Amino acid sequence: MSIIAWVVLGLISGFLASKVVNKSGDGFILDVVLGVVGAVIGGVLFNIVGAVGVTGFNIWSMFVAFIGAVVLLVIKHAVLGRRAVL
């Protein structure tokens, strides 16, 4: 997958995850980073349970990245608390 596809995938999944967990977006750059890191975390988690991780720029990869980003946000809030900024 190209860098542009990773950024677009990261932006969409990071934005959606931050809307679900935070009820507001975290900003363009943080949403992209959150989505890309979430895609990596989601890919690892899905591979552990025997499912396919990120496979390209498609709906399944968006779902995997979204789940990874939600997990990352939940861990961030558990460790740093609600008031802290990543």
C-alpha atoms as a PDB file:
ATOM      1  CA  MET A   1       0.000   0.000   0.000  1.00  0.00           C
ATOM      2  CA  SER A   2       1.339   3.452  -0.841  1.00  0.00           C
ATOM      3  CA  ILE A   3       2.054   6.179   1.699  1.00  0.00           C
ATOM      4  CA  ILE A   4      -0.916   8.219   0.455  1.00  0.00           C
ATOM      5  CA  ALA A   5      -3.254   5.245   0.931  1.00  0.00           C
ATOM      6  CA  TRP A   6      -1.910   4.728   4.494  1.00  0.00           C
ATOM      7  CA  VAL A   7      -2.514   8.414   5.284  1.00  0.00           C
ATOM      8  CA  VAL A   8      -6.060   8.343   3.881  1.00  0.00           C
ATOM      9  CA  LEU A   9      -6.836   5.065   5.659  1.00  0.00           C
ATOM     10  CA  GLY A  10      -5.332   6.478   8.855  1.00  0.00           C
ATOM     11  CA  LEU A  11      -7.248   9.725   8.610  1.00  0.00           C
ATOM     12  CA  ILE A  12     -10.624   8.099   8.114  1.00  0.00           C
ATOM     13  CA  SER A  13     -10.222   5.345  10.708  1.00  0.00           C
ATOM     14  CA  GLY A  14      -8.516   7.621  13.251  1.00  0.00           C
ATOM     15  CA  PHE A  15     -11.200  10.274  12.881  1.00  0.00           C
ATOM     16  CA  LEU A  16     -14.006   7.738  13.289  1.00  0.00           C
ATOM     17  CA  ALA A  17     -12.353   6.129  16.311  1.00  0.00           C
ATOM     18  CA  SER A  18     -11.754   9.461  18.021  1.00  0.00           C
ATOM     19  CA  LYS A  19     -15.392  10.423  17.383  1.00  0.00           C
ATOM     20  CA  VAL A  20     -16.566   7.172  18.972  1.00  0.00           C
ATOM     21  CA  VAL A  21     -14.248   7.262  22.000  1.00  0.00           C
ATOM     22  CA  ASN A  22     -13.777  11.009  22.585  1.00  0.00           C
ATOM     23  CA  LYS A  23     -17.013  12.322  21.035  1.00  0.00           C
ATOM     24  CA  SER A  24     -14.804  14.799  19.124  1.00  0.00           C
ATOM     25  CA  GLY A  25     -11.901  14.603  16.703  1.00  0.00           C
ATOM     26  CA  ASP A  26      -8.344  15.003  17.966  1.00  0.00           C
ATOM     27  CA  GLY A  27      -7.118  17.116  15.049  1.00  0.00           C
ATOM     28  CA  PHE A  28      -5.912  16.230  11.581  1.00  0.00           C
ATOM     29  CA  ILE A  29      -2.356  15.121  12.388  1.00  0.00           C
ATOM     30  CA  LEU A  30      -3.279  13.175  15.533  1.00  0.00           C
ATOM     31  CA  ASP A  31      -6.179  11.468  13.740  1.00  0.00           C
ATOM     32  CA  VAL A  32      -3.849  10.334  10.931  1.00  0.00           C
ATOM     33  CA  VAL A  33      -1.220   9.071  13.373  1.00  0.00           C
ATOM     34  CA  LEU A  34      -3.910   7.396  15.477  1.00  0.00           C
ATOM     35  CA  GLY A  35      -5.343   5.663  12.422  1.00  0.00           C
ATOM     36  CA  VAL A  36      -2.000   4.443  11.059  1.00  0.00           C
ATOM     37  CA  VAL A  37      -0.844   3.172  14.466  1.00  0.00           C
ATOM     38  CA  GLY A  38      -4.330   1.726  14.948  1.00  0.00           C
ATOM     39  CA  ALA A  39      -3.973  -0.138  11.653  1.00  0.00           C
ATOM     40  CA  VAL A  40      -0.744  -1.711  12.889  1.00  0.00           C
ATOM     41  CA  ILE A  41      -2.274  -2.603  16.278  1.00  0.00           C
ATOM     42  CA  GLY A  42      -5.445  -3.890  14.631  1.00  0.00           C
ATOM     43  CA  GLY A  43      -3.419  -5.985  12.189  1.00  0.00           C
ATOM     44  CA  VAL A  44      -1.475  -7.560  15.041  1.00  0.00           C
ATOM     45  CA  LEU A  45      -4.635  -8.214  17.074  1.00  0.00           C
ATOM     46  CA  PHE A  46      -6.484  -9.727  14.124  1.00  0.00           C
ATOM     47  CA  ASN A  47      -3.494 -11.931  13.245  1.00  0.00           C
ATOM     48  CA  ILE A  48      -3.347 -13.178  16.856  1.00  0.00           C
ATOM     49  CA  VAL A  49      -6.968 -14.378  16.704  1.00  0.00           C
ATOM     50  CA  GLY A  50      -6.417 -15.939  13.273  1.00  0.00           C
ATOM     51  CA  ALA A  51      -8.122 -13.322  11.073  1.00  0.00           C
ATOM     52  CA  VAL A  52      -6.593 -11.329   8.235  1.00  0.00           C
ATOM     53  CA  GLY A  53      -5.183  -7.896   9.141  1.00  0.00           C
ATOM     54  CA  VAL A  54      -4.797  -4.904   6.833  1.00  0.00           C
ATOM     55  CA  THR A  55      -4.893  -6.102   3.230  1.00  0.00           C
ATOM     56  CA  GLY A  56      -4.935  -2.850   1.270  1.00  0.00           C
ATOM     57  CA  PHE A  57      -7.237   0.115   0.838  1.00  0.00           C
ATOM     58  CA  ASN A  58     -10.629  -1.523   1.385  1.00  0.00           C
ATOM     59  CA  ILE A  59     -13.491  -1.734   3.891  1.00  0.00           C
ATOM     60  CA  TRP A  60     -11.955  -4.651   5.810  1.00  0.00           C
ATOM     61  CA  SER A  61      -8.696  -2.771   6.332  1.00  0.00           C
ATOM     62  CA  MET A  62     -10.675   0.299   7.458  1.00  0.00           C
ATOM     63  CA  PHE A  63     -12.495  -1.882  10.004  1.00  0.00           C
ATOM     64  CA  VAL A  64      -9.210  -3.379  11.272  1.00  0.00           C
ATOM     65  CA  ALA A  65      -7.629   0.078  11.570  1.00  0.00           C
ATOM     66  CA  PHE A  66     -10.736   1.423  13.326  1.00  0.00           C
ATOM     67  CA  ILE A  67     -10.698  -1.395  15.906  1.00  0.00           C
ATOM     68  CA  GLY A  68      -6.972  -0.884  16.494  1.00  0.00           C
ATOM     69  CA  ALA A  69      -7.430   2.875  16.894  1.00  0.00           C
ATOM     70  CA  VAL A  70     -10.290   2.364  19.378  1.00  0.00           C
ATOM     71  CA  VAL A  71      -8.122  -0.036  21.398  1.00  0.00           C
ATOM     72  CA  LEU A  72      -5.278   2.506  21.329  1.00  0.00           C
ATOM     73  CA  LEU A  73      -7.581   5.321  22.515  1.00  0.00           C
ATOM     74  CA  VAL A  74      -9.083   3.214  25.303  1.00  0.00           C
ATOM     75  CA  ILE A  75      -5.587   2.295  26.540  1.00  0.00           C
ATOM     76  CA  LYS A  76      -4.499   5.943  26.279  1.00  0.00           C
ATOM     77  CA  HIS A  77      -7.462   7.087  28.366  1.00  0.00           C
ATOM     78  CA  ALA A  78      -6.924   4.335  30.919  1.00  0.00           C
ATOM     79  CA  VAL A  79      -3.243   5.215  31.361  1.00  0.00           C
ATOM     80  CA  LEU A  80      -3.288   8.999  31.017  1.00  0.00           C
ATOM     81  CA  GLY A  81      -6.824   9.826  32.089  1.00  0.00           C
ATOM     82  CA  ARG A  82      -9.476  11.870  30.311  1.00  0.00           C
ATOM     83  CA  ARG A  83      -7.819  15.269  30.674  1.00  0.00           C
ATOM     84  CA  ALA A  84      -4.425  14.316  29.217  1.00  0.00           C
ATOM     85  CA  VAL A  85      -3.613  14.869  25.551  1.00  0.00           C
ATOM     86  CA  LEU A  86      -1.604  12.293  23.607  1.00  0.00           C
END
